[in-house]
Protein backbone atom coordinates (compact mmCIF):
# COMPACT_ATOMS: atom_id res chain seq x y z
CA UNK A 1 0.00 0.00 0.00
CA UNK A 2 2.81 2.40 0.95
CA UNK A 3 4.71 1.45 -2.22
CA UNK A 4 1.65 2.19 -4.39
CA UNK A 5 1.20 5.57 -2.71
CA UNK A 6 4.86 6.45 -3.28
CA UNK A 7 4.61 5.41 -6.94
CA UNK A 8 1.59 7.69 -7.41
CA UNK A 9 3.48 10.55 -5.75
CA UNK A 10 6.45 9.91 -8.05
CA UNK A 11 4.18 10.14 -11.11
CA UNK A 12 2.81 13.46 -9.83
CA UNK A 13 6.35 14.78 -9.31
CA UNK A 14 7.39 13.83 -12.83
CA UNK A 15 4.33 15.45 -14.40
CA UNK A 16 4.77 18.61 -12.34
CA UNK A 17 8.47 18.92 -13.22
CA UNK A 18 7.65 18.46 -16.92
CA UNK A 19 5.35 21.47 -16.54
CA UNK A 20 8.19 23.45 -14.96
CA UNK A 21 6.62 23.36 -11.48
CA UNK A 22 7.11 21.63 -8.15
CA UNK A 23 4.42 20.14 -5.95
CA UNK A 24 5.34 22.49 -3.07
CA UNK A 25 5.31 25.58 -5.31
CA UNK A 26 9.05 26.24 -5.26
CA UNK A 27 11.12 27.22 -8.27
CA UNK A 28 13.31 24.44 -9.67
CA UNK A 29 16.48 26.02 -8.23
CA UNK A 30 14.98 27.05 -4.88
CA UNK A 31 15.72 25.60 -1.43
CA UNK A 32 13.22 25.02 1.31
CA UNK A 33 13.54 27.12 4.50
CA UNK A 34 16.85 26.46 6.26
CA UNK A 35 17.45 26.74 10.02
CA UNK A 36 20.61 26.08 12.06
CA UNK A 37 20.81 25.55 15.82
CA UNK A 38 24.09 25.23 17.73
CA UNK A 39 24.98 24.02 21.23
CA UNK A 40 22.54 21.12 20.95
CA UNK A 41 24.77 18.74 22.94
CA UNK A 42 26.54 19.21 26.25
CA UNK A 43 28.81 16.20 25.68
CA UNK A 44 30.22 17.02 22.23
CA UNK A 45 33.01 19.55 21.64
CA UNK A 46 30.85 21.00 18.89
CA UNK A 47 27.31 20.27 17.70
CA UNK A 48 24.67 21.63 15.36
CA UNK A 49 21.18 20.78 14.20
CA UNK A 50 20.09 21.66 10.67
CA UNK A 51 16.61 21.61 9.22
CA UNK A 52 16.03 21.98 5.50
CA UNK A 53 12.28 21.86 5.14
CA UNK A 54 11.22 18.74 7.02
CA UNK A 55 14.66 17.12 6.72
CA UNK A 56 16.32 17.17 10.14
CA UNK A 57 19.96 16.32 10.90
CA UNK A 58 22.13 16.56 14.03
CA UNK A 59 25.94 16.50 13.92
CA UNK A 60 28.26 16.13 16.90
CA UNK A 61 32.04 16.59 16.91
CA UNK A 62 34.29 14.80 19.39
CA UNK A 63 37.98 15.72 19.67
CA UNK A 64 40.23 12.91 20.95
CA UNK A 65 44.03 12.71 21.28
CA UNK A 66 45.26 9.59 19.48
CA UNK A 67 48.41 8.15 17.94
CA UNK A 68 48.92 9.70 14.46
CA UNK A 69 49.18 7.62 11.31
CA UNK A 70 52.73 6.45 10.45
CA UNK A 71 52.75 8.28 7.11
CA UNK A 72 51.79 11.60 8.77
CA UNK A 73 53.43 11.51 12.22
CA UNK A 74 52.85 15.21 12.89
CA UNK A 75 49.26 15.46 11.65
CA UNK A 76 45.85 15.07 13.19
CA UNK A 77 42.98 13.51 11.27
CA UNK A 78 39.26 13.69 10.52
CA UNK A 79 36.72 10.87 10.54
CA UNK A 80 33.12 11.32 9.35
CA UNK A 81 30.36 8.80 9.97
CA UNK A 82 26.63 8.87 9.24
CA UNK A 83 23.80 7.09 11.05
CA UNK A 84 20.52 6.89 9.17
CA UNK A 85 18.22 6.12 12.07
CA UNK A 86 14.98 4.14 11.51
CA UNK A 87 13.05 6.94 13.26
CA UNK A 88 14.01 9.18 10.33
CA UNK A 89 12.41 7.10 7.57
CA UNK A 90 10.66 3.77 7.01
CA UNK A 91 13.31 3.12 4.34
CA UNK A 92 16.11 3.03 6.96
CA UNK A 93 16.93 -0.09 8.94
CA UNK A 94 19.09 -0.99 11.93
CA UNK A 95 22.28 -2.94 11.40
CA UNK A 96 25.55 -2.33 9.53
CA UNK A 97 26.01 1.00 7.71
CA UNK A 98 24.06 1.14 4.46
CA UNK A 99 25.53 2.19 1.12
CA UNK A 100 23.60 5.44 1.45
CA UNK A 101 25.04 6.27 4.88
CA UNK A 102 28.57 5.43 3.73
CA UNK A 103 28.21 7.64 0.66
CA UNK A 104 26.87 10.59 2.68
CA UNK A 105 29.79 10.32 5.12
CA UNK A 106 32.37 10.09 2.33
CA UNK A 107 30.99 13.02 0.36
CA UNK A 108 30.82 15.23 3.47
CA UNK A 109 34.35 14.16 4.45
CA UNK A 110 35.75 14.82 0.96
CA UNK A 111 34.19 18.27 0.71
CA UNK A 112 35.80 19.28 4.02
CA UNK A 113 39.15 17.56 3.50
CA UNK A 114 39.75 18.68 -0.10
CA UNK A 115 38.86 22.30 0.69
CA UNK A 116 42.00 22.41 2.89
CA UNK A 117 39.92 24.27 5.48
CA UNK A 118 41.67 22.41 8.33
CA UNK A 119 45.40 22.61 9.00
CA UNK A 120 45.94 19.05 10.22
CA UNK A 121 49.60 19.75 10.98
CA UNK A 122 48.50 22.21 13.66
CA UNK A 123 46.71 19.30 15.36
CA UNK A 124 49.97 17.57 16.23
CA UNK A 125 50.63 17.32 19.98
CA UNK A 126 53.67 15.04 20.37
CA UNK A 127 55.43 13.95 17.18
CA UNK A 128 54.72 10.31 16.31
CA UNK A 129 52.88 9.88 19.61
CA UNK A 130 49.84 12.11 19.93
CA UNK A 131 47.63 14.24 17.68
CA UNK A 132 44.06 15.48 17.69
CA UNK A 133 41.46 13.44 15.85
CA UNK A 134 38.05 14.92 15.07
CA UNK A 135 35.16 12.47 14.90
CA UNK A 136 32.21 14.01 13.06
CA UNK A 137 29.05 11.98 13.67
CA UNK A 138 25.97 12.63 11.51
CA UNK A 139 22.52 11.53 12.72
CA UNK A 140 19.46 11.76 10.48
CA UNK A 141 16.42 12.56 12.63
CA UNK A 142 13.87 13.01 9.84
CA UNK A 143 14.35 12.29 6.13
CA UNK A 144 12.39 14.31 3.63
CA UNK A 145 15.11 14.46 0.98
CA UNK A 146 18.51 16.08 0.47
CA UNK A 147 20.34 14.51 3.39
CA UNK A 148 23.64 15.26 1.61
CA UNK A 149 23.32 19.04 1.86
CA UNK A 150 21.76 19.01 5.33
CA UNK A 151 24.55 16.76 6.65
CA UNK A 152 27.33 18.85 5.13
CA UNK A 153 25.83 22.10 6.43
CA UNK A 154 25.40 20.65 9.93
CA UNK A 155 28.97 19.30 9.87
CA UNK A 156 30.45 22.71 9.02
CA UNK A 157 28.22 24.46 11.56
CA UNK A 158 29.33 21.98 14.25
CA UNK A 159 33.04 22.25 13.33
CA UNK A 160 32.77 26.07 13.36
CA UNK A 161 31.58 25.83 16.96
CA UNK A 162 34.03 23.14 18.11
CA UNK A 163 36.29 23.76 21.11
CA UNK A 164 39.69 22.11 21.60
CA UNK A 165 39.84 20.32 24.97
CA UNK A 166 42.59 21.06 27.46
CA UNK A 167 45.21 18.34 27.90
CA UNK A 168 47.21 17.38 30.97
CA UNK A 169 49.71 14.51 30.72
CA UNK A 170 48.18 13.51 27.41
CA UNK A 171 44.68 13.21 28.84
CA UNK A 172 41.61 15.38 28.28
CA UNK A 173 40.57 17.59 31.18
CA UNK A 174 36.79 17.35 31.17
CA UNK A 175 35.00 20.68 30.86
CA UNK A 176 38.14 22.72 30.13
CA UNK A 177 39.21 24.03 26.73
CA UNK A 178 42.23 25.65 25.08
CA UNK A 179 40.44 27.50 22.30
CA UNK A 180 38.25 27.02 19.24
CA UNK A 181 38.98 24.93 16.21
CA UNK A 182 40.08 27.10 13.28
CA UNK A 183 38.60 26.75 9.80
CA UNK A 184 40.22 28.72 6.98
CA UNK A 185 37.21 28.01 4.73
CA UNK A 186 33.69 26.71 5.10
CA UNK A 187 32.79 24.31 2.29
CA UNK A 188 29.07 23.72 1.77
CA UNK A 189 27.46 21.03 -0.33
CA UNK A 190 24.80 21.75 -2.94
CA UNK A 191 23.13 18.78 -4.62
CA UNK A 192 21.33 19.04 -7.95
CA UNK A 193 18.97 16.31 -9.17
CA UNK A 194 17.99 15.45 -12.72
CA UNK A 195 14.26 14.76 -12.94
CA UNK A 196 13.07 14.16 -16.46
CA UNK A 197 15.04 16.73 -18.45
CA UNK A 198 15.14 19.32 -15.66
CA UNK A 199 17.71 20.19 -13.00
CA UNK A 200 16.24 20.54 -9.52
CA UNK A 201 17.82 21.78 -6.27
CA UNK A 202 17.05 20.58 -2.74
CA UNK A 203 14.87 17.60 -3.60
CA UNK A 204 12.19 16.29 -1.26
CA UNK A 205 11.90 12.57 -0.57
CA UNK A 206 9.21 12.24 -3.26
CA UNK A 207 11.38 14.11 -5.77
CA UNK A 208 14.37 11.91 -4.99
CA UNK A 209 12.31 8.87 -5.93
CA UNK A 210 11.66 10.50 -9.29
CA UNK A 211 15.25 11.54 -10.03
CA UNK A 212 17.42 9.65 -12.49
CA UNK A 213 20.72 11.12 -11.26
CA UNK A 214 22.16 13.64 -8.82
CA UNK A 215 25.27 15.78 -8.78
CA UNK A 216 26.73 17.17 -5.54
CA UNK A 217 29.15 20.11 -5.52
CA UNK A 218 31.16 21.26 -2.48
CA UNK A 219 31.73 25.03 -2.67
CA UNK A 220 33.74 27.36 -0.42
CA UNK A 221 33.01 31.06 0.18
CA UNK A 222 35.71 32.02 -2.35
CA UNK A 223 33.96 29.78 -4.93
CA UNK A 224 36.56 27.04 -4.81
CA UNK A 225 35.01 23.73 -5.91
CA UNK A 226 36.51 21.22 -3.50
CA UNK A 227 34.56 18.07 -4.40
CA UNK A 228 32.09 16.53 -6.84
CA UNK A 229 29.94 13.42 -6.48
CA UNK A 230 27.64 11.94 -9.09
CA UNK A 231 25.01 9.43 -8.03
CA UNK A 232 22.17 7.51 -9.66
CA UNK A 233 22.00 5.48 -12.86
CA UNK A 234 21.15 8.43 -15.13
CA UNK A 235 23.58 10.81 -16.80
CA UNK A 236 24.27 14.52 -17.26
CA UNK A 237 25.38 16.28 -20.41
CA UNK A 238 28.38 18.61 -20.25
CA UNK A 239 26.09 21.63 -20.43
CA UNK A 240 23.92 20.22 -17.61
CA UNK A 241 27.02 19.83 -15.43
CA UNK A 242 27.90 23.48 -16.11
CA UNK A 243 24.35 24.52 -15.20
CA UNK A 244 24.43 22.41 -12.03
CA UNK A 245 27.68 24.05 -10.93
CA UNK A 246 26.22 27.51 -11.57
CA UNK A 247 23.17 26.56 -9.53
CA UNK A 248 25.39 25.28 -6.71
CA UNK A 249 27.44 28.48 -6.65
CA UNK A 250 24.27 30.53 -6.37
CA UNK A 251 22.61 28.37 -3.74
CA UNK A 252 25.74 28.11 -1.59
CA UNK A 253 25.51 31.88 -1.04
CA UNK A 254 21.97 31.50 0.29
CA UNK A 255 23.04 28.66 2.62
CA UNK A 256 25.80 30.89 4.03
CA UNK A 257 23.23 33.52 4.89
CA UNK A 258 21.45 30.91 7.04
CA UNK A 259 24.76 30.28 8.89
CA UNK A 260 25.00 33.97 9.77
CA UNK A 261 21.40 34.35 10.96
């Protein structure tokens, strides 16, 4: 019964997009309302909650001193993980990480890492012995489409608010901090879907079921494109890729306004 309802909704989405409209009345390149809340966890070093329409994501950052990797003995590191909780969608299940959760984590990680917004060398504590590691944990609370952009925005908002714990004898002093984590850039992800022959920004869950492909672009405030990710079985023409990048550049500016509000 649910599957039949979703199929009917998909047909409505396709027909509406062919007419140049969306079921919720938005323009094809328009985002839903975006809100960002910080300080949503007393246990994380940094945390943020992002809502894009009805899509709801929480990200927590934990800073831990650990032994650095042998090939980078002076550097800290970043680890991003995503949990798609069953409370967020009937399509999510408990158990090992799904392909979708792994992809979200990797795309968010790549956008941050390749933007060079973090100086990992400055995270070294004791050469070859101790360096800071940031664990960025993404939790989907409600899924109504576009988890990629919501997760990336929440990750940057949480990292921007992250405090570095104080260390004594190589151990964290609970509740004491040495300063805030520094980001030289703030990469944001903008995902464009191809539905029929149209490019659509910030897809809802129903629109995602109708898309043939998606293209995610990580953009910094100086318009540096730090990462791309193409998903889905469909394809984009070269001109569609150019249009998607232009759309991402425009929409990233609007997302930054939400970070400042």
